[in-house]
């Protein structure tokens, strides 16, 4: 009985620790709790959202300085959502080096 109670408690803790935080509804503390979001970014998110709510990820990336596709993918993986949606765009392809270009020629 005790093992079942302990397992259930551990499962509930795991679920709540990975609860998604919506950019339109999250508090400063919830946003700061996400890996990759510090006090300055959470302030930028809150300030941009005061103007109007974010429609989607492209709107979020356009209005929050410092968030491009790669950062958006990382934030989404950490639990940030925009209107309940995770980021679905592909991260930018890595730039080709001069050596790789020269070897193709």
Protein backbone atom coordinates (compact mmCIF):
# COMPACT_ATOMS: atom_id res chain seq x y z
CA UNK A 1 0.00 0.00 0.00
CA UNK A 2 2.78 2.40 0.96
CA UNK A 3 4.65 1.65 -2.27
CA UNK A 4 1.56 2.47 -4.35
CA UNK A 5 1.07 5.74 -2.49
CA UNK A 6 4.72 6.64 -2.94
CA UNK A 7 4.64 5.77 -6.65
CA UNK A 8 1.48 7.82 -7.19
CA UNK A 9 2.98 10.80 -5.38
CA UNK A 10 6.17 10.56 -7.45
CA UNK A 11 4.14 10.37 -10.66
CA UNK A 12 2.07 13.43 -9.76
CA UNK A 13 5.23 15.34 -8.90
CA UNK A 14 6.78 14.43 -12.25
CA UNK A 15 3.69 15.57 -14.13
CA UNK A 16 3.46 18.89 -12.32
CA UNK A 17 7.16 19.58 -12.69
CA UNK A 18 6.78 19.51 -16.49
CA UNK A 19 3.61 21.55 -16.64
CA UNK A 20 3.48 23.76 -19.70
CA UNK A 21 3.64 27.52 -19.22
CA UNK A 22 1.68 29.57 -21.74
CA UNK A 23 3.36 32.80 -22.82
CA UNK A 24 0.01 34.60 -22.66
CA UNK A 25 -0.87 33.45 -19.14
CA UNK A 26 2.32 32.59 -17.26
CA UNK A 27 3.48 34.67 -14.32
CA UNK A 28 6.98 36.09 -14.05
CA UNK A 29 7.86 33.30 -11.61
CA UNK A 30 6.52 30.58 -13.93
CA UNK A 31 8.40 32.02 -16.91
CA UNK A 32 11.61 32.37 -14.86
CA UNK A 33 11.23 28.73 -13.84
CA UNK A 34 11.78 27.61 -17.42
CA UNK A 35 15.34 26.74 -18.38
CA UNK A 36 16.52 29.37 -20.87
CA UNK A 37 14.25 32.13 -19.56
CA UNK A 38 15.83 34.58 -17.18
CA UNK A 39 14.53 37.75 -15.55
CA UNK A 40 15.25 39.93 -18.59
CA UNK A 41 13.51 37.61 -21.05
CA UNK A 42 10.50 37.11 -18.80
CA UNK A 43 10.23 40.93 -18.56
CA UNK A 44 10.36 41.20 -22.38
CA UNK A 45 7.63 38.56 -22.67
CA UNK A 46 5.40 40.27 -20.09
CA UNK A 47 5.95 43.72 -21.66
CA UNK A 48 5.13 42.47 -25.18
CA UNK A 49 2.07 40.63 -23.93
CA UNK A 50 0.75 43.80 -22.21
CA UNK A 51 0.33 45.36 -25.67
CA UNK A 52 -1.75 42.38 -26.86
CA UNK A 53 -1.71 38.60 -26.50
CA UNK A 54 0.54 36.54 -28.74
CA UNK A 55 -1.36 34.94 -31.64
CA UNK A 56 1.14 32.20 -32.39
CA UNK A 57 4.85 31.36 -32.33
CA UNK A 58 5.77 33.58 -35.31
CA UNK A 59 4.06 36.52 -33.57
CA UNK A 60 5.91 35.66 -30.33
CA UNK A 61 9.28 35.46 -32.12
CA UNK A 62 8.69 38.77 -33.89
CA UNK A 63 7.72 40.67 -30.74
CA UNK A 64 10.14 39.19 -28.17
CA UNK A 65 13.70 40.29 -28.83
CA UNK A 66 16.23 37.46 -28.81
CA UNK A 67 13.85 34.65 -29.76
CA UNK A 68 14.42 33.11 -33.16
CA UNK A 69 13.66 29.57 -34.38
CA UNK A 70 16.47 27.84 -32.49
CA UNK A 71 15.63 29.56 -29.18
CA UNK A 72 11.89 28.99 -29.73
CA UNK A 73 12.50 25.27 -30.22
CA UNK A 74 14.52 25.11 -26.99
CA UNK A 75 11.91 27.07 -25.01
CA UNK A 76 9.12 24.88 -26.36
CA UNK A 77 11.05 21.76 -25.35
CA UNK A 78 11.30 23.20 -21.83
CA UNK A 79 7.52 23.65 -21.67
CA UNK A 80 6.74 27.11 -23.08
CA UNK A 81 3.62 27.28 -25.24
CA UNK A 82 1.83 30.03 -27.15
CA UNK A 83 -1.95 29.60 -27.00
CA UNK A 84 -1.40 26.03 -25.84
CA UNK A 85 0.75 25.13 -28.85
CA UNK A 86 4.37 24.04 -28.78
CA UNK A 87 6.79 25.33 -31.40
CA UNK A 88 6.59 23.20 -34.53
CA UNK A 89 8.98 25.04 -36.84
CA UNK A 90 12.26 23.44 -37.78
CA UNK A 91 15.43 24.95 -36.41
CA UNK A 92 17.49 26.80 -38.95
CA UNK A 93 19.89 24.63 -40.93
CA UNK A 94 23.53 24.97 -39.88
CA UNK A 95 25.57 27.31 -42.03
CA UNK A 96 27.93 25.69 -44.47
CA UNK A 97 31.62 26.27 -43.76
CA UNK A 98 34.09 27.59 -46.32
CA UNK A 99 35.88 24.23 -46.34
CA UNK A 100 32.65 22.39 -47.15
CA UNK A 101 31.87 24.84 -49.95
CA UNK A 102 35.39 24.45 -51.39
CA UNK A 103 35.14 20.65 -51.35
CA UNK A 104 31.92 20.79 -53.40
CA UNK A 105 33.57 22.84 -56.14
